[in-house]
């Protein structure tokens, strides 16, 4: 795939990026270089290679999925500037 000035102009307009006319040519060259590098990556044989989410093999600890209130209401409310009857007091925002 090759990118020309018209394609750069169109992509810049769609992305709402102001690109001066004199930068269209060099930018097209840079984008063509990036696309050439991607084509090189497509040539790599990855058959039989398992996809990875992390380079470190580990399992995440699991816990019971139980809904609790945490039993720390007073500790949480201690961070509030104002609280009343076990709830945060916030300024009225809707008339």
C-alpha atoms as a PDB file:
ATOM      1  CA  UNK A   1       0.000   0.000   0.000  1.00  0.00           C
ATOM      2  CA  UNK A   2       1.315   3.422  -0.894  1.00  0.00           C
ATOM      3  CA  UNK A   3       0.329   6.729   0.645  1.00  0.00           C
ATOM      4  CA  UNK A   4       0.340   9.880  -1.475  1.00  0.00           C
ATOM      5  CA  UNK A   5      -0.241  13.558  -0.697  1.00  0.00           C
ATOM      6  CA  UNK A   6      -3.981  13.290  -1.355  1.00  0.00           C
ATOM      7  CA  UNK A   7      -4.334  10.410   1.102  1.00  0.00           C
ATOM      8  CA  UNK A   8      -2.395  12.332   3.766  1.00  0.00           C
ATOM      9  CA  UNK A   9      -4.574  15.396   3.153  1.00  0.00           C
ATOM     10  CA  UNK A  10      -7.743  13.286   3.504  1.00  0.00           C
ATOM     11  CA  UNK A  11      -6.580  11.535   6.692  1.00  0.00           C
ATOM     12  CA  UNK A  12      -5.496  14.859   8.202  1.00  0.00           C
ATOM     13  CA  UNK A  13      -8.908  16.353   7.430  1.00  0.00           C
ATOM     14  CA  UNK A  14     -10.717  13.355   8.946  1.00  0.00           C
ATOM     15  CA  UNK A  15      -8.516  13.556  12.060  1.00  0.00           C
ATOM     16  CA  UNK A  16      -9.046  17.322  12.243  1.00  0.00           C
ATOM     17  CA  UNK A  17      -5.280  17.910  12.102  1.00  0.00           C
ATOM     18  CA  UNK A  18      -3.968  21.014  10.358  1.00  0.00           C
ATOM     19  CA  UNK A  19      -1.118  19.912   8.094  1.00  0.00           C
ATOM     20  CA  UNK A  20       0.600  22.613   6.012  1.00  0.00           C
ATOM     21  CA  UNK A  21       0.830  21.906   2.284  1.00  0.00           C
ATOM     22  CA  UNK A  22       4.648  21.724   2.407  1.00  0.00           C
ATOM     23  CA  UNK A  23       4.486  18.947   5.060  1.00  0.00           C
ATOM     24  CA  UNK A  24       2.239  16.631   2.996  1.00  0.00           C
ATOM     25  CA  UNK A  25       5.103  15.172   0.931  1.00  0.00           C
ATOM     26  CA  UNK A  26       7.463  14.415   3.829  1.00  0.00           C
ATOM     27  CA  UNK A  27       4.581  13.085   5.914  1.00  0.00           C
ATOM     28  CA  UNK A  28       3.566  10.750   3.078  1.00  0.00           C
ATOM     29  CA  UNK A  29       7.155   9.461   2.998  1.00  0.00           C
ATOM     30  CA  UNK A  30       7.139   8.824   6.735  1.00  0.00           C
ATOM     31  CA  UNK A  31       3.827   6.982   6.556  1.00  0.00           C
ATOM     32  CA  UNK A  32       5.084   4.858   3.653  1.00  0.00           C
ATOM     33  CA  UNK A  33       8.126   3.938   5.774  1.00  0.00           C
ATOM     34  CA  UNK A  34       5.871   2.860   8.648  1.00  0.00           C
ATOM     35  CA  UNK A  35       3.718   0.785   6.296  1.00  0.00           C
ATOM     36  CA  UNK A  36       6.834  -0.855   4.814  1.00  0.00           C
ATOM     37  CA  UNK A  37       7.945  -1.830   8.319  1.00  0.00           C
ATOM     38  CA  UNK A  38       4.509  -3.335   8.998  1.00  0.00           C
ATOM     39  CA  UNK A  39       4.786  -5.335   5.782  1.00  0.00           C
ATOM     40  CA  UNK A  40       8.107  -6.720   7.044  1.00  0.00           C
ATOM     41  CA  UNK A  41       6.365  -7.833  10.235  1.00  0.00           C
ATOM     42  CA  UNK A  42       3.704  -9.595   8.167  1.00  0.00           C
ATOM     43  CA  UNK A  43       6.447 -11.729   6.587  1.00  0.00           C
ATOM     44  CA  UNK A  44       7.442 -13.263   9.935  1.00  0.00           C
ATOM     45  CA  UNK A  45       6.331 -16.884  10.313  1.00  0.00           C
ATOM     46  CA  UNK A  46       4.300 -17.131  13.527  1.00  0.00           C
ATOM     47  CA  UNK A  47       2.714 -20.536  12.936  1.00  0.00           C
ATOM     48  CA  UNK A  48       2.716 -22.521  16.157  1.00  0.00           C
ATOM     49  CA  UNK A  49       3.560 -19.496  18.310  1.00  0.00           C
ATOM     50  CA  UNK A  50       1.108 -19.087  21.166  1.00  0.00           C
ATOM     51  CA  UNK A  51      -0.242 -15.609  21.798  1.00  0.00           C
ATOM     52  CA  UNK A  52       1.006 -13.945  24.979  1.00  0.00           C
ATOM     53  CA  UNK A  53      -0.599 -11.438  27.287  1.00  0.00           C
ATOM     54  CA  UNK A  54       2.540 -11.075  29.408  1.00  0.00           C
ATOM     55  CA  UNK A  55       6.146 -12.287  29.133  1.00  0.00           C
ATOM     56  CA  UNK A  56       5.958 -13.673  32.686  1.00  0.00           C
ATOM     57  CA  UNK A  57       4.083 -16.934  33.167  1.00  0.00           C
ATOM     58  CA  UNK A  58       1.888 -16.575  36.234  1.00  0.00           C
ATOM     59  CA  UNK A  59      -1.613 -17.179  37.446  1.00  0.00           C
ATOM     60  CA  UNK A  60      -3.625 -14.507  39.167  1.00  0.00           C
ATOM     61  CA  UNK A  61      -4.932 -15.254  42.630  1.00  0.00           C
ATOM     62  CA  UNK A  62      -8.643 -15.936  42.699  1.00  0.00           C
ATOM     63  CA  UNK A  63     -11.057 -15.092  45.491  1.00  0.00           C
ATOM     64  CA  UNK A  64     -14.674 -15.796  46.131  1.00  0.00           C
ATOM     65  CA  UNK A  65     -16.968 -13.427  44.268  1.00  0.00           C
ATOM     66  CA  UNK A  66     -19.013 -12.387  47.265  1.00  0.00           C
ATOM     67  CA  UNK A  67     -20.786  -9.063  47.643  1.00  0.00           C
ATOM     68  CA  UNK A  68     -20.004  -7.380  50.957  1.00  0.00           C
ATOM     69  CA  UNK A  69     -20.346  -3.881  52.318  1.00  0.00           C
ATOM     70  CA  UNK A  70     -16.728  -3.953  53.477  1.00  0.00           C
ATOM     71  CA  UNK A  71     -17.662  -3.187  57.069  1.00  0.00           C
ATOM     72  CA  UNK A  72     -15.492  -0.052  57.002  1.00  0.00           C
ATOM     73  CA  UNK A  73     -18.151   2.644  56.623  1.00  0.00           C
ATOM     74  CA  UNK A  74     -16.778   4.774  59.449  1.00  0.00           C
ATOM     75  CA  UNK A  75     -13.242   4.632  58.014  1.00  0.00           C
ATOM     76  CA  UNK A  76     -14.487   5.659  54.567  1.00  0.00           C
ATOM     77  CA  UNK A  77     -16.639   8.461  55.932  1.00  0.00           C
ATOM     78  CA  UNK A  78     -13.662   9.746  57.944  1.00  0.00           C
ATOM     79  CA  UNK A  79     -12.252  11.005  54.605  1.00  0.00           C
ATOM     80  CA  UNK A  80     -15.368  13.056  53.833  1.00  0.00           C
ATOM     81  CA  UNK A  81     -15.519  16.774  54.578  1.00  0.00           C
ATOM     82  CA  UNK A  82     -19.115  16.241  55.790  1.00  0.00           C
ATOM     83  CA  UNK A  83     -21.185  13.171  56.530  1.00  0.00           C
ATOM     84  CA  UNK A  84     -24.600  12.635  58.012  1.00  0.00           C
ATOM     85  CA  UNK A  85     -26.421   9.446  59.074  1.00  0.00           C
ATOM     86  CA  UNK A  86     -23.725   7.274  57.505  1.00  0.00           C
ATOM     87  CA  UNK A  87     -23.757   9.053  54.098  1.00  0.00           C
ATOM     88  CA  UNK A  88     -21.627  11.640  52.328  1.00  0.00           C
ATOM     89  CA  UNK A  89     -23.098  15.158  52.324  1.00  0.00           C
ATOM     90  CA  UNK A  90     -22.575  16.850  48.952  1.00  0.00           C
ATOM     91  CA  UNK A  91     -23.673  20.225  47.588  1.00  0.00           C
ATOM     92  CA  UNK A  92     -26.917  20.340  45.645  1.00  0.00           C
ATOM     93  CA  UNK A  93     -26.205  20.425  41.909  1.00  0.00           C
ATOM     94  CA  UNK A  94     -29.699  20.089  40.439  1.00  0.00           C
ATOM     95  CA  UNK A  95     -32.267  22.830  40.967  1.00  0.00           C
END
